Amino acid sequence: MKYECDNLAFNIQVNVGVLLTYPILISIGTVLSVPGNAAVDLVKHKMIFSVVRLGATIIICIGFLLMLLPEEWDEITLRFINSLKEQKSEDHADEIPESSVHTRSRSRANGTVSVPLA
């Protein structure tokens, strides 16, 4: 019965909080509730956490943070990475001095053509 009252109180607080403030604040508060409760347990109850419990807390916080990302975060990330790659390749192409590009002349019937080798 106690846990049902806790869940009810939590849901009421979240819904009222969303109505009165920004939803992102409620999401950040939810993310911080897990490590906050762990800190209270550590200070007040002198509870010592095992490595497994600390790992689980970190995984839960990462899950909450992933829920804050926009729906198309993977597409946005891939576009950002591709733009960085294109920018890097353009910068790399600009860095090559013209004297280091070796050309070879080929004779054609209508004239000489220089072809870069690099």
N, C-alpha and C. Protein backbone atom coordinates (compact mmCIF):
# COMPACT_ATOMS: atom_id res chain seq x y z
N MET A 1 0.81 -1.19 0.00
CA MET A 1 0.00 0.00 0.00
C MET A 1 0.87 1.27 0.00
N LYS A 2 2.00 1.20 0.71
CA LYS A 2 2.88 2.37 0.79
C LYS A 2 3.42 2.74 -0.59
N TYR A 3 3.80 1.73 -1.38
CA TYR A 3 4.36 2.01 -2.70
C TYR A 3 3.31 2.58 -3.65
N GLU A 4 2.06 2.17 -3.50
CA GLU A 4 0.99 2.71 -4.33
C GLU A 4 0.79 4.19 -4.03
N CYS A 5 0.87 4.56 -2.74
CA CYS A 5 0.74 5.97 -2.37
C CYS A 5 1.93 6.77 -2.89
N ASP A 6 3.14 6.17 -2.84
CA ASP A 6 4.32 6.85 -3.36
C ASP A 6 4.18 7.09 -4.86
N ASN A 7 3.73 6.08 -5.60
CA ASN A 7 3.56 6.23 -7.04
C ASN A 7 2.49 7.28 -7.36
N LEU A 8 1.42 7.28 -6.60
CA LEU A 8 0.36 8.26 -6.80
C LEU A 8 0.89 9.67 -6.55
N ALA A 9 1.62 9.83 -5.44
CA ALA A 9 2.18 11.15 -5.11
C ALA A 9 3.17 11.59 -6.19
N PHE A 10 3.99 10.68 -6.66
CA PHE A 10 4.96 11.01 -7.71
C PHE A 10 4.25 11.45 -8.99
N ASN A 11 3.25 10.70 -9.41
CA ASN A 11 2.53 11.03 -10.63
C ASN A 11 1.79 12.37 -10.52
N ILE A 12 1.21 12.63 -9.36
CA ILE A 12 0.53 13.91 -9.16
C ILE A 12 1.54 15.05 -9.22
N GLN A 13 2.69 14.88 -8.57
CA GLN A 13 3.71 15.93 -8.58
C GLN A 13 4.24 16.18 -9.99
N VAL A 14 4.44 15.12 -10.74
CA VAL A 14 4.94 15.27 -12.11
C VAL A 14 3.92 16.00 -12.97
N ASN A 15 2.65 15.60 -12.88
CA ASN A 15 1.63 16.23 -13.71
C ASN A 15 1.40 17.70 -13.33
N VAL A 16 1.41 18.00 -12.05
CA VAL A 16 1.26 19.40 -11.63
C VAL A 16 2.50 20.18 -12.05
N GLY A 17 3.67 19.57 -11.93
CA GLY A 17 4.90 20.25 -12.34
C GLY A 17 4.92 20.56 -13.81
N VAL A 18 4.43 19.65 -14.64
CA VAL A 18 4.37 19.89 -16.08
C VAL A 18 3.41 21.04 -16.39
N LEU A 19 2.31 21.10 -15.66
CA LEU A 19 1.35 22.19 -15.88
C LEU A 19 1.91 23.54 -15.47
N LEU A 20 2.67 23.58 -14.38
CA LEU A 20 3.14 24.85 -13.84
C LEU A 20 4.49 25.30 -14.40
N THR A 21 5.32 24.36 -14.82
CA THR A 21 6.66 24.71 -15.31
C THR A 21 6.87 24.08 -16.68
N TYR A 22 8.11 24.03 -17.10
CA TYR A 22 8.47 23.43 -18.37
C TYR A 22 8.66 21.91 -18.19
N PRO A 23 8.25 21.11 -19.17
CA PRO A 23 8.44 19.66 -19.06
C PRO A 23 9.91 19.25 -18.93
N ILE A 24 10.83 20.03 -19.50
CA ILE A 24 12.24 19.67 -19.42
C ILE A 24 12.73 19.72 -17.98
N LEU A 25 12.20 20.65 -17.19
CA LEU A 25 12.59 20.72 -15.77
C LEU A 25 12.16 19.47 -15.02
N ILE A 26 10.97 18.97 -15.33
CA ILE A 26 10.49 17.75 -14.69
C ILE A 26 11.35 16.56 -15.11
N SER A 27 11.74 16.53 -16.39
CA SER A 27 12.59 15.44 -16.86
C SER A 27 13.95 15.47 -16.18
N ILE A 28 14.53 16.64 -16.04
CA ILE A 28 15.82 16.76 -15.36
C ILE A 28 15.68 16.37 -13.89
N GLY A 29 14.57 16.77 -13.27
CA GLY A 29 14.32 16.37 -11.88
C GLY A 29 14.20 14.87 -11.73
N THR A 30 13.57 14.22 -12.69
CA THR A 30 13.46 12.76 -12.66
C THR A 30 14.83 12.11 -12.80
N VAL A 31 15.66 12.66 -13.68
CA VAL A 31 17.02 12.12 -13.86
C VAL A 31 17.82 12.27 -12.57
N LEU A 32 17.69 13.41 -11.92
CA LEU A 32 18.47 13.66 -10.71
C LEU A 32 17.89 12.98 -9.47
N SER A 33 16.67 12.44 -9.57
CA SER A 33 16.07 11.81 -8.39
C SER A 33 16.80 10.52 -8.01
N VAL A 34 17.28 9.78 -8.98
CA VAL A 34 17.95 8.51 -8.67
C VAL A 34 19.26 8.75 -7.92
N PRO A 35 20.20 9.56 -8.45
CA PRO A 35 21.42 9.80 -7.67
C PRO A 35 21.14 10.61 -6.39
N GLY A 36 20.10 11.45 -6.42
CA GLY A 36 19.75 12.19 -5.20
C GLY A 36 19.30 11.27 -4.08
N ASN A 37 18.45 10.31 -4.41
CA ASN A 37 18.02 9.34 -3.40
C ASN A 37 19.19 8.49 -2.91
N ALA A 38 20.10 8.15 -3.82
CA ALA A 38 21.29 7.39 -3.42
C ALA A 38 22.15 8.20 -2.46
N ALA A 39 22.28 9.51 -2.71
CA ALA A 39 23.06 10.36 -1.81
C ALA A 39 22.40 10.47 -0.44
N VAL A 40 21.07 10.56 -0.42
CA VAL A 40 20.35 10.61 0.86
C VAL A 40 20.56 9.31 1.63
N ASP A 41 20.46 8.18 0.93
CA ASP A 41 20.70 6.89 1.59
C ASP A 41 22.12 6.81 2.13
N LEU A 42 23.07 7.33 1.38
CA LEU A 42 24.47 7.27 1.81
C LEU A 42 24.69 8.13 3.05
N VAL A 43 24.14 9.34 3.07
CA VAL A 43 24.38 10.27 4.17
C VAL A 43 23.52 9.92 5.39
N LYS A 44 22.23 9.72 5.18
CA LYS A 44 21.31 9.55 6.29
C LYS A 44 21.35 8.14 6.89
N HIS A 45 21.36 7.13 6.04
CA HIS A 45 21.28 5.75 6.53
C HIS A 45 22.63 5.05 6.55
N LYS A 46 23.70 5.76 6.19
CA LYS A 46 25.05 5.20 6.17
C LYS A 46 25.11 3.92 5.34
N MET A 47 24.37 3.92 4.25
CA MET A 47 24.30 2.75 3.38
C MET A 47 25.54 2.71 2.49
N ILE A 48 26.17 1.56 2.38
CA ILE A 48 27.33 1.40 1.51
C ILE A 48 26.86 0.68 0.25
N PHE A 49 27.15 1.28 -0.90
CA PHE A 49 26.68 0.73 -2.17
C PHE A 49 27.72 -0.21 -2.77
N SER A 50 27.23 -1.29 -3.33
CA SER A 50 28.11 -2.21 -4.04
C SER A 50 28.37 -1.68 -5.45
N VAL A 51 29.32 -2.28 -6.12
CA VAL A 51 29.65 -1.88 -7.48
C VAL A 51 28.46 -2.12 -8.40
N VAL A 52 27.73 -3.20 -8.17
CA VAL A 52 26.57 -3.52 -9.01
C VAL A 52 25.50 -2.44 -8.86
N ARG A 53 25.24 -2.00 -7.62
CA ARG A 53 24.23 -0.98 -7.40
C ARG A 53 24.64 0.36 -8.02
N LEU A 54 25.92 0.71 -7.91
CA LEU A 54 26.39 1.94 -8.54
C LEU A 54 26.28 1.86 -10.06
N GLY A 55 26.64 0.70 -10.61
CA GLY A 55 26.52 0.50 -12.05
C GLY A 55 25.07 0.60 -12.51
N ALA A 56 24.16 0.00 -11.74
CA ALA A 56 22.73 0.07 -12.08
C ALA A 56 22.22 1.50 -12.01
N THR A 57 22.66 2.25 -11.03
CA THR A 57 22.25 3.66 -10.91
C THR A 57 22.73 4.47 -12.11
N ILE A 58 23.96 4.22 -12.54
CA ILE A 58 24.50 4.93 -13.70
C ILE A 58 23.73 4.56 -14.96
N ILE A 59 23.41 3.29 -15.12
CA ILE A 59 22.66 2.85 -16.30
C ILE A 59 21.27 3.47 -16.32
N ILE A 60 20.62 3.54 -15.16
CA ILE A 60 19.29 4.16 -15.08
C ILE A 60 19.37 5.63 -15.45
N CYS A 61 20.39 6.33 -14.96
CA CYS A 61 20.54 7.76 -15.29
C CYS A 61 20.81 7.95 -16.78
N ILE A 62 21.62 7.09 -17.38
CA ILE A 62 21.88 7.18 -18.82
C ILE A 62 20.58 6.93 -19.59
N GLY A 63 19.76 5.98 -19.13
CA GLY A 63 18.47 5.72 -19.77
C GLY A 63 17.56 6.92 -19.72
N PHE A 64 17.50 7.58 -18.57
CA PHE A 64 16.69 8.80 -18.45
C PHE A 64 17.21 9.89 -19.38
N LEU A 65 18.54 10.03 -19.47
CA LEU A 65 19.11 11.04 -20.35
C LEU A 65 18.82 10.74 -21.81
N LEU A 66 18.84 9.46 -22.19
CA LEU A 66 18.50 9.09 -23.56
C LEU A 66 17.05 9.42 -23.89
N MET A 67 16.18 9.33 -22.88
CA MET A 67 14.78 9.67 -23.11
C MET A 67 14.60 11.17 -23.36
N LEU A 68 15.55 12.00 -22.93
CA LEU A 68 15.47 13.44 -23.14
C LEU A 68 15.88 13.85 -24.55
N LEU A 69 16.56 12.94 -25.27
CA LEU A 69 17.00 13.26 -26.62
C LEU A 69 15.80 13.35 -27.56
N PRO A 70 15.89 14.16 -28.60
CA PRO A 70 14.79 14.21 -29.57
C PRO A 70 14.66 12.88 -30.31
N GLU A 71 13.49 12.66 -30.91
CA GLU A 71 13.23 11.38 -31.57
C GLU A 71 14.22 11.07 -32.68
N GLU A 72 14.59 12.06 -33.44
CA GLU A 72 15.48 11.81 -34.57
C GLU A 72 16.94 12.12 -34.24
N TRP A 73 17.35 11.84 -32.99
CA TRP A 73 18.70 12.17 -32.56
C TRP A 73 19.74 11.38 -33.35
N ASP A 74 19.41 10.16 -33.75
CA ASP A 74 20.38 9.35 -34.49
C ASP A 74 20.64 9.95 -35.87
N GLU A 75 19.59 10.41 -36.54
CA GLU A 75 19.76 11.03 -37.85
C GLU A 75 20.53 12.34 -37.74
N ILE A 76 20.24 13.11 -36.71
CA ILE A 76 20.94 14.38 -36.49
C ILE A 76 22.42 14.12 -36.24
N THR A 77 22.71 13.10 -35.43
CA THR A 77 24.10 12.77 -35.13
C THR A 77 24.84 12.32 -36.37
N LEU A 78 24.21 11.48 -37.20
CA LEU A 78 24.86 11.01 -38.43
C LEU A 78 25.11 12.18 -39.40
N ARG A 79 24.15 13.10 -39.52
CA ARG A 79 24.36 14.27 -40.37
C ARG A 79 25.51 15.12 -39.86
N PHE A 80 25.60 15.28 -38.53
CA PHE A 80 26.68 16.07 -37.95
C PHE A 80 28.03 15.42 -38.21
N ILE A 81 28.11 14.10 -38.05
CA ILE A 81 29.37 13.38 -38.29
C ILE A 81 29.77 13.49 -39.75
N ASN A 82 28.80 13.34 -40.66
CA ASN A 82 29.10 13.46 -42.09
C ASN A 82 29.57 14.86 -42.45
N SER A 83 28.97 15.88 -41.84
CA SER A 83 29.42 17.25 -42.12
C SER A 83 30.84 17.47 -41.60
N LEU A 84 31.17 16.85 -40.46
CA LEU A 84 32.54 16.96 -39.95
C LEU A 84 33.52 16.26 -40.89
N LYS A 85 33.14 15.10 -41.43
CA LYS A 85 34.01 14.39 -42.36
C LYS A 85 34.22 15.19 -43.63
N GLU A 86 33.14 15.79 -44.15
CA GLU A 86 33.26 16.60 -45.36
C GLU A 86 34.14 17.82 -45.10
N GLN A 87 33.97 18.43 -43.94
CA GLN A 87 34.76 19.61 -43.60
C GLN A 87 36.24 19.22 -43.47
N LYS A 88 36.50 18.06 -42.88
CA LYS A 88 37.87 17.59 -42.71
C LYS A 88 38.50 17.29 -44.07
N SER A 89 37.74 16.65 -44.96
CA SER A 89 38.30 16.34 -46.28
C SER A 89 38.55 17.61 -47.08
N GLU A 90 37.68 18.62 -46.94
CA GLU A 90 37.91 19.90 -47.62
C GLU A 90 39.14 20.60 -47.05
N ASP A 91 39.30 20.57 -45.73
CA ASP A 91 40.48 21.18 -45.11
C ASP A 91 41.74 20.45 -45.53
N HIS A 92 41.66 19.13 -45.62
CA HIS A 92 42.82 18.33 -46.01
C HIS A 92 43.19 18.62 -47.46
N ALA A 93 42.19 18.80 -48.31
CA ALA A 93 42.47 19.10 -49.72
C ALA A 93 43.09 20.49 -49.84
N ASP A 94 42.70 21.42 -49.00
CA ASP A 94 43.27 22.77 -49.03
C ASP A 94 44.70 22.80 -48.52
N GLU A 95 45.07 21.86 -47.64
CA GLU A 95 46.40 21.86 -47.04
C GLU A 95 47.47 21.34 -47.99
N ILE A 96 47.11 20.58 -49.00
CA ILE A 96 48.11 20.01 -49.91
C ILE A 96 48.66 21.13 -50.78
N PRO A 97 49.94 21.40 -50.68
CA PRO A 97 50.51 22.45 -51.51
C PRO A 97 50.56 21.99 -52.98
N GLU A 98 50.48 22.95 -53.87
CA GLU A 98 50.43 22.62 -55.29
C GLU A 98 51.73 22.01 -55.77
N SER A 99 52.85 22.32 -55.13
CA SER A 99 54.13 21.78 -55.57
C SER A 99 54.24 20.29 -55.26
N SER A 100 53.45 19.80 -54.29
CA SER A 100 53.53 18.39 -53.94
C SER A 100 52.66 17.52 -54.83
N VAL A 101 51.79 18.12 -55.62
CA VAL A 101 50.96 17.36 -56.55
C VAL A 101 51.78 17.14 -57.81
N HIS A 102 52.09 15.90 -58.08
CA HIS A 102 52.90 15.56 -59.25
C HIS A 102 51.98 15.33 -60.43
N THR A 103 52.36 15.88 -61.53
CA THR A 103 51.56 15.69 -62.75
C THR A 103 52.41 14.98 -63.79
N ARG A 104 51.74 14.29 -64.67
CA ARG A 104 52.41 13.60 -65.75
C ARG A 104 51.74 14.06 -67.04
N SER A 105 52.52 14.40 -67.99
CA SER A 105 51.97 14.86 -69.27
C SER A 105 51.74 13.67 -70.18
N ARG A 106 50.60 13.72 -70.83
CA ARG A 106 50.29 12.70 -71.83
C ARG A 106 50.11 13.39 -73.17
N SER A 107 50.64 12.82 -74.11
CA SER A 107 50.51 13.40 -75.44
C SER A 107 49.25 12.86 -76.10
N ARG A 108 48.46 13.75 -76.65
CA ARG A 108 47.25 13.38 -77.36
C ARG A 108 47.35 13.93 -78.77
N ALA A 109 46.48 13.50 -79.57
CA ALA A 109 46.49 13.96 -80.95
C ALA A 109 46.18 15.45 -81.02
N ASN A 110 45.31 15.93 -80.13
CA ASN A 110 44.93 17.35 -80.19
C ASN A 110 45.68 18.21 -79.18
N GLY A 111 46.66 17.70 -78.49
CA GLY A 111 47.42 18.52 -77.55
C GLY A 111 47.94 17.73 -76.36
N THR A 112 48.58 18.41 -75.42
CA THR A 112 49.14 17.78 -74.24
C THR A 112 48.19 17.99 -73.07
N VAL A 113 47.96 16.93 -72.28
CA VAL A 113 47.07 16.98 -71.13
C VAL A 113 47.85 16.61 -69.89
N SER A 114 47.71 17.41 -68.82
CA SER A 114 48.37 17.10 -67.55
C SER A 114 47.39 16.36 -66.67
N VAL A 115 47.82 15.23 -66.12
CA VAL A 115 46.95 14.42 -65.26
C VAL A 115 47.61 14.35 -63.88
N PRO A 116 46.89 14.75 -62.81
CA PRO A 116 47.49 14.67 -61.46
C PRO A 116 47.63 13.21 -61.05
N LEU A 117 48.72 12.89 -60.42
CA LEU A 117 48.99 11.53 -59.96
C LEU A 117 48.57 11.31 -58.53
N ALA A 118 48.45 12.33 -57.72
CA ALA A 118 48.17 12.16 -56.29
C ALA A 118 46.72 12.07 -56.00
